[in-house]
Amino acid sequence: MDNGGYFWGTGRRKTALARVRLRPGKGELKINDRTVESYFPRLVWQSQVWQSLRTASVEGKVDVFVRASGGGLTGQAGAVRMGIARALIKLNPDLRGALKKEGLLTRDSRMVERKKFGQKGARGKRQYSKR
């Protein structure tokens, strides 16, 4: 057990970062001191957050507290999902196989391609005029 009876996990996606604290409890889940429904209004984001807990079948058995920052809500939802999965492994190492099979431990390395000079964006070029 880590500091203060919590198990820690860090998740990242795009430019978002989620620091997750997890402890055995009664199923409380707070993201930046707000409920999942108020922080992530879309159902897609909410289901992403719950995915790790459902896969490990510990929904309602652990308390989860998350500090999410950076990026947008899509990136933060993915980061929270990964952070919870990593914290669950520290809680119970036997869950690693199930979480890995669902792909919850794999860092999504896709980042925004940088804008190039003389162009409108990463790939967008000025329109060519023949005449």
Protein backbone atom coordinates (compact mmCIF):
# COMPACT_ATOMS: atom_id res chain seq x y z
CA MET A 1 0.00 0.00 0.00
CA ASP A 2 1.30 3.43 -0.91
CA ASN A 3 0.96 6.70 1.01
CA GLY A 4 -2.11 7.13 3.19
CA GLY A 5 -3.76 3.85 2.22
CA TYR A 6 -4.10 4.86 -1.45
CA PHE A 7 -2.93 3.14 -4.61
CA TRP A 8 -1.71 5.59 -7.25
CA GLY A 9 -1.87 5.42 -11.04
CA THR A 10 -0.99 7.94 -13.74
CA GLY A 11 -2.71 8.01 -17.10
CA ARG A 12 -1.90 10.08 -20.17
CA ARG A 13 -3.53 10.63 -23.55
CA LYS A 14 -2.79 13.38 -26.09
CA THR A 15 -1.80 16.30 -23.82
CA ALA A 16 -4.06 15.26 -20.93
CA LEU A 17 -2.80 13.94 -17.61
CA ALA A 18 -4.80 12.11 -14.91
CA ARG A 19 -3.42 11.34 -11.46
CA VAL A 20 -5.59 8.65 -9.87
CA ARG A 21 -5.84 7.69 -6.18
CA LEU A 22 -7.69 4.49 -5.42
CA ARG A 23 -8.63 2.78 -2.14
CA PRO A 24 -11.05 0.04 -1.10
CA GLY A 25 -14.36 1.67 -0.28
CA LYS A 26 -18.01 2.02 -1.23
CA GLY A 27 -17.79 3.04 -4.90
CA GLU A 28 -17.26 6.80 -4.82
CA LEU A 29 -15.74 8.29 -7.99
CA LYS A 30 -14.73 11.97 -8.08
CA ILE A 31 -12.93 13.82 -10.87
CA ASN A 32 -11.57 17.22 -9.77
CA ASP A 33 -14.03 17.08 -6.82
CA ARG A 34 -17.00 16.61 -9.18
CA THR A 35 -19.10 13.59 -10.10
CA VAL A 36 -18.42 11.75 -13.35
CA GLU A 37 -21.78 12.89 -14.78
CA SER A 38 -21.09 16.58 -14.13
CA TYR A 39 -17.45 16.51 -15.31
CA PHE A 40 -17.99 14.37 -18.42
CA PRO A 41 -21.43 15.27 -19.84
CA ARG A 42 -21.26 12.84 -22.79
CA LEU A 43 -22.05 9.16 -22.25
CA VAL A 44 -19.05 8.11 -24.37
CA TRP A 45 -16.67 9.82 -21.93
CA GLN A 46 -18.50 8.41 -18.91
CA SER A 47 -18.38 4.84 -20.23
CA GLN A 48 -14.64 5.23 -20.88
CA VAL A 49 -14.07 6.23 -17.27
CA TRP A 50 -16.05 3.25 -15.91
CA GLN A 51 -14.51 0.74 -18.36
CA SER A 52 -11.48 -0.16 -16.20
CA LEU A 53 -13.63 -0.71 -13.09
CA ARG A 54 -16.14 -2.83 -15.02
CA THR A 55 -13.40 -4.97 -16.58
CA ALA A 56 -11.88 -5.63 -13.16
CA SER A 57 -15.41 -6.09 -11.71
CA VAL A 58 -14.67 -3.85 -8.73
CA GLU A 59 -17.40 -1.31 -9.49
CA GLY A 60 -18.86 -0.18 -6.16
CA LYS A 61 -16.00 -1.72 -4.16
CA VAL A 62 -13.32 0.99 -4.51
CA ASP A 63 -13.23 4.75 -4.05
CA VAL A 64 -11.52 6.62 -6.89
CA PHE A 65 -10.27 10.22 -6.72
CA VAL A 66 -8.85 11.80 -9.87
CA ARG A 67 -6.96 15.02 -10.64
CA ALA A 68 -7.30 15.59 -14.40
CA SER A 69 -5.52 18.40 -16.23
CA GLY A 70 -4.46 19.42 -19.72
CA GLY A 71 -5.96 18.71 -23.10
CA GLY A 72 -9.68 18.37 -23.70
CA LEU A 73 -12.36 16.15 -22.27
CA THR A 74 -11.78 13.31 -24.75
CA GLY A 75 -8.09 13.13 -23.85
CA GLN A 76 -8.86 13.42 -20.14
CA ALA A 77 -11.40 10.57 -20.30
CA GLY A 78 -8.79 8.32 -21.92
CA ALA A 79 -6.18 9.38 -19.37
CA VAL A 80 -8.54 8.65 -16.46
CA ARG A 81 -9.29 5.21 -17.90
CA MET A 82 -5.59 4.36 -18.09
CA GLY A 83 -4.82 5.82 -14.65
CA ILE A 84 -7.56 3.75 -13.00
CA ALA A 85 -6.28 0.61 -14.73
CA ARG A 86 -2.73 1.23 -13.50
CA ALA A 87 -3.93 1.87 -9.94
CA LEU A 88 -6.02 -1.32 -10.01
CA ILE A 89 -2.90 -3.34 -10.88
CA LYS A 90 -1.18 -1.97 -7.78
CA LEU A 91 -4.26 -2.89 -5.73
CA ASN A 92 -4.43 -6.42 -7.19
CA PRO A 93 -1.65 -7.61 -9.57
CA ASP A 94 -3.84 -10.55 -10.69
CA LEU A 95 -6.02 -8.10 -12.69
CA ARG A 96 -3.18 -7.33 -15.11
CA GLY A 97 -4.13 -10.01 -17.65
CA ALA A 98 -7.76 -8.95 -17.93
CA LEU A 99 -6.91 -5.24 -18.17
CA LYS A 100 -4.17 -5.85 -20.73
CA LYS A 101 -6.49 -7.99 -22.87
CA GLU A 102 -8.96 -5.07 -23.03
CA GLY A 103 -6.10 -2.74 -24.05
CA LEU A 104 -6.49 -0.50 -21.00
CA LEU A 105 -2.78 -0.48 -20.16
CA THR A 106 -1.59 0.61 -23.60
CA ARG A 107 -0.66 4.28 -23.88
CA ASP A 108 -2.40 5.84 -26.89
CA SER A 109 0.64 7.54 -28.42
CA ARG A 110 -1.27 9.52 -31.06
CA MET A 111 -0.46 13.21 -30.70
CA VAL A 112 -1.32 16.25 -32.78
CA GLU A 113 1.14 16.70 -35.64
CA ARG A 114 2.94 20.03 -35.48
CA LYS A 115 2.18 22.88 -37.86
CA LYS A 116 4.85 23.38 -40.52
CA PHE A 117 6.11 26.82 -41.56
CA GLY A 118 4.74 28.23 -44.81
CA GLN A 119 1.66 26.02 -44.50
CA LYS A 120 -1.81 26.46 -43.04
CA GLY A 121 -1.44 23.48 -40.73
CA ALA A 122 0.36 20.18 -40.38
CA ARG A 123 -0.55 19.03 -43.91
CA GLY A 124 -2.69 21.84 -45.34
CA LYS A 125 -0.94 23.76 -48.08
CA ARG A 126 -1.89 26.88 -50.01
CA GLN A 127 -4.18 26.22 -52.96
CA TYR A 128 -2.29 25.88 -56.23
CA SER A 129 -3.42 28.17 -59.03
CA LYS A 130 -2.45 27.05 -62.54
CA ARG A 131 -3.48 30.35 -64.16
